[in-house]
Protein backbone atom coordinates (compact mmCIF):
# COMPACT_ATOMS: atom_id res chain seq x y z
CA MET A 1 -2.08 8.41 11.15
CA ALA A 2 -5.55 8.60 9.67
CA ALA A 3 -8.47 7.68 11.89
CA ARG A 4 -9.63 4.12 11.36
CA LYS A 5 -13.21 3.09 11.00
CA GLU A 6 -13.87 1.12 14.17
CA ASN A 7 -16.44 -1.08 12.46
CA SER A 8 -14.42 -2.01 9.38
CA THR A 9 -13.53 -5.66 8.89
CA ASN A 10 -9.80 -4.91 8.83
CA THR A 11 -9.95 -3.03 12.10
CA GLN A 12 -11.92 -5.82 13.74
CA ASN A 13 -9.46 -8.43 12.46
CA ARG A 14 -6.44 -6.43 13.65
CA LYS A 15 -7.80 -6.32 17.18
CA HIS A 16 -7.29 -10.08 17.31
CA ILE A 17 -3.71 -10.10 16.03
CA THR A 18 -2.08 -7.13 17.72
CA ASP A 19 -0.17 -9.48 20.02
CA CYS A 20 2.11 -10.49 17.14
CA ASN A 21 3.99 -7.60 15.55
CA LEU A 22 4.92 -9.59 12.45
CA THR A 23 1.34 -10.63 11.76
CA TYR A 24 0.16 -7.07 12.35
CA SER A 25 2.74 -5.77 9.86
CA VAL A 26 1.86 -8.33 7.23
CA CYS A 27 -1.82 -7.46 7.57
CA LEU A 28 -1.02 -3.80 6.89
CA VAL A 29 0.94 -4.40 3.68
CA GLY A 30 0.08 -7.97 2.72
CA GLY A 31 -2.04 -9.22 -0.12
CA ARG A 32 -1.62 -9.24 -3.85
CA TRP A 33 -1.52 -5.49 -4.45
CA LYS A 34 -0.37 -3.39 -1.50
CA LEU A 35 3.38 -3.87 -1.73
CA LEU A 36 3.24 -3.39 -5.49
CA ILE A 37 1.32 -0.13 -5.04
CA LEU A 38 3.83 1.05 -2.44
CA CYS A 39 6.77 0.14 -4.70
CA LYS A 40 5.28 2.20 -7.52
CA LEU A 41 4.95 5.19 -5.18
CA GLU A 42 8.60 4.94 -4.14
CA LYS A 43 9.72 7.35 -6.88
CA GLY A 44 7.20 10.01 -5.88
CA LYS A 45 3.61 11.18 -6.07
CA LEU A 46 1.28 9.60 -8.61
CA ARG A 47 -2.27 10.32 -9.65
CA PHE A 48 -4.81 7.51 -9.63
CA GLY A 49 -4.64 6.90 -13.40
CA GLU A 50 -0.85 6.95 -13.39
CA LEU A 51 -0.76 4.52 -10.50
CA ARG A 52 -3.21 2.19 -12.22
CA LYS A 53 -1.03 2.14 -15.37
CA GLU A 54 2.08 1.50 -13.29
CA VAL A 55 0.52 -1.36 -11.35
CA GLY A 56 -1.20 -2.86 -14.39
CA ASN A 57 -3.80 -5.63 -14.29
CA ILE A 58 -5.68 -4.11 -11.33
CA THR A 59 -9.27 -2.98 -11.53
CA GLU A 60 -10.23 0.56 -10.58
CA ARG A 61 -12.34 -0.79 -7.75
CA MET A 62 -9.52 -2.89 -6.31
CA LEU A 63 -7.04 -0.03 -6.57
CA THR A 64 -9.53 2.26 -4.85
CA LEU A 65 -10.07 -0.25 -2.03
CA GLN A 66 -6.36 -0.87 -1.54
CA LEU A 67 -5.51 2.84 -1.55
CA ARG A 68 -8.31 3.53 0.93
CA GLU A 69 -6.98 0.87 3.33
CA LEU A 70 -3.40 2.12 2.95
CA GLU A 71 -4.56 5.67 3.63
CA GLU A 72 -6.61 4.62 6.68
CA ASP A 73 -3.52 2.87 8.05
CA GLY A 74 -1.31 5.93 7.53
CA ILE A 75 0.86 4.22 4.92
CA VAL A 76 -0.22 6.33 1.94
CA LYS A 77 -1.08 10.02 1.92
CA ARG A 78 -3.88 11.21 -0.35
CA THR A 79 -3.87 14.87 -1.36
CA VAL A 80 -6.84 16.47 -3.12
CA TYR A 81 -6.16 19.74 -4.93
CA ALA A 82 -8.95 22.31 -5.35
CA GLU A 83 -8.80 22.43 -9.12
CA VAL A 84 -11.24 21.82 -11.93
CA PRO A 85 -11.16 18.98 -12.69
CA PRO A 86 -10.08 17.83 -9.23
CA ARG A 87 -6.56 16.46 -8.96
CA VAL A 88 -5.77 13.74 -6.44
CA GLU A 89 -2.24 12.50 -5.75
CA TYR A 90 -0.98 9.61 -3.68
CA GLU A 91 2.40 9.36 -1.99
CA LEU A 92 4.25 7.37 0.64
CA THR A 93 4.17 8.64 4.21
CA ASP A 94 7.33 8.85 6.28
CA ILE A 95 6.47 5.63 8.10
CA SER A 96 5.94 3.73 4.84
CA LYS A 97 9.30 4.94 3.52
CA GLU A 98 10.85 2.84 6.29
CA LEU A 99 9.57 -0.19 4.37
CA ILE A 100 11.62 0.55 1.22
CA PRO A 101 14.72 -1.45 2.24
CA ILE A 102 12.45 -4.26 3.43
CA TRP A 103 10.58 -4.66 0.13
CA LYS A 104 13.88 -4.39 -1.75
CA GLN A 105 15.20 -7.30 0.32
CA LEU A 106 11.99 -9.23 -0.33
CA SER A 107 12.40 -8.58 -4.05
CA GLU A 108 15.99 -9.83 -4.00
CA TRP A 109 14.92 -12.90 -2.02
CA GLY A 110 12.15 -13.52 -4.56
CA GLY A 111 14.62 -13.28 -7.42
CA ARG A 112 16.91 -15.83 -5.79
CA HIS A 113 13.99 -18.15 -5.02
CA LYS A 114 12.67 -17.92 -8.59
CA ALA A 115 16.14 -18.73 -9.92
CA LEU A 116 16.18 -21.92 -7.83
CA GLU A 117 12.92 -23.10 -9.42
CA LYS A 118 14.40 -23.07 -12.94
């Protein structure tokens, strides 16, 4: 797992919620973008531009921030290749791959819930 910045807001907030495993987990992957980013990486490595196209409707800044947090938490691996121009790829880590069946279940649940609203 990547080293966390001890003074970051997320790290400070997590110190207060580590008693509840569910809340801790949701903080790691919650929010508008993180699960969507992870789902897009399920099929394999993607470069930043490819990931942005896949996610759609996300700003470069927001994608950068979300990827940085996911990397700090050991959920996404960032690989920089020594090429000109530099190539950077993002991929799921082994621990994040454990989430795949969970987000698939969430997606199915969401589909059923949406169907009830109609």
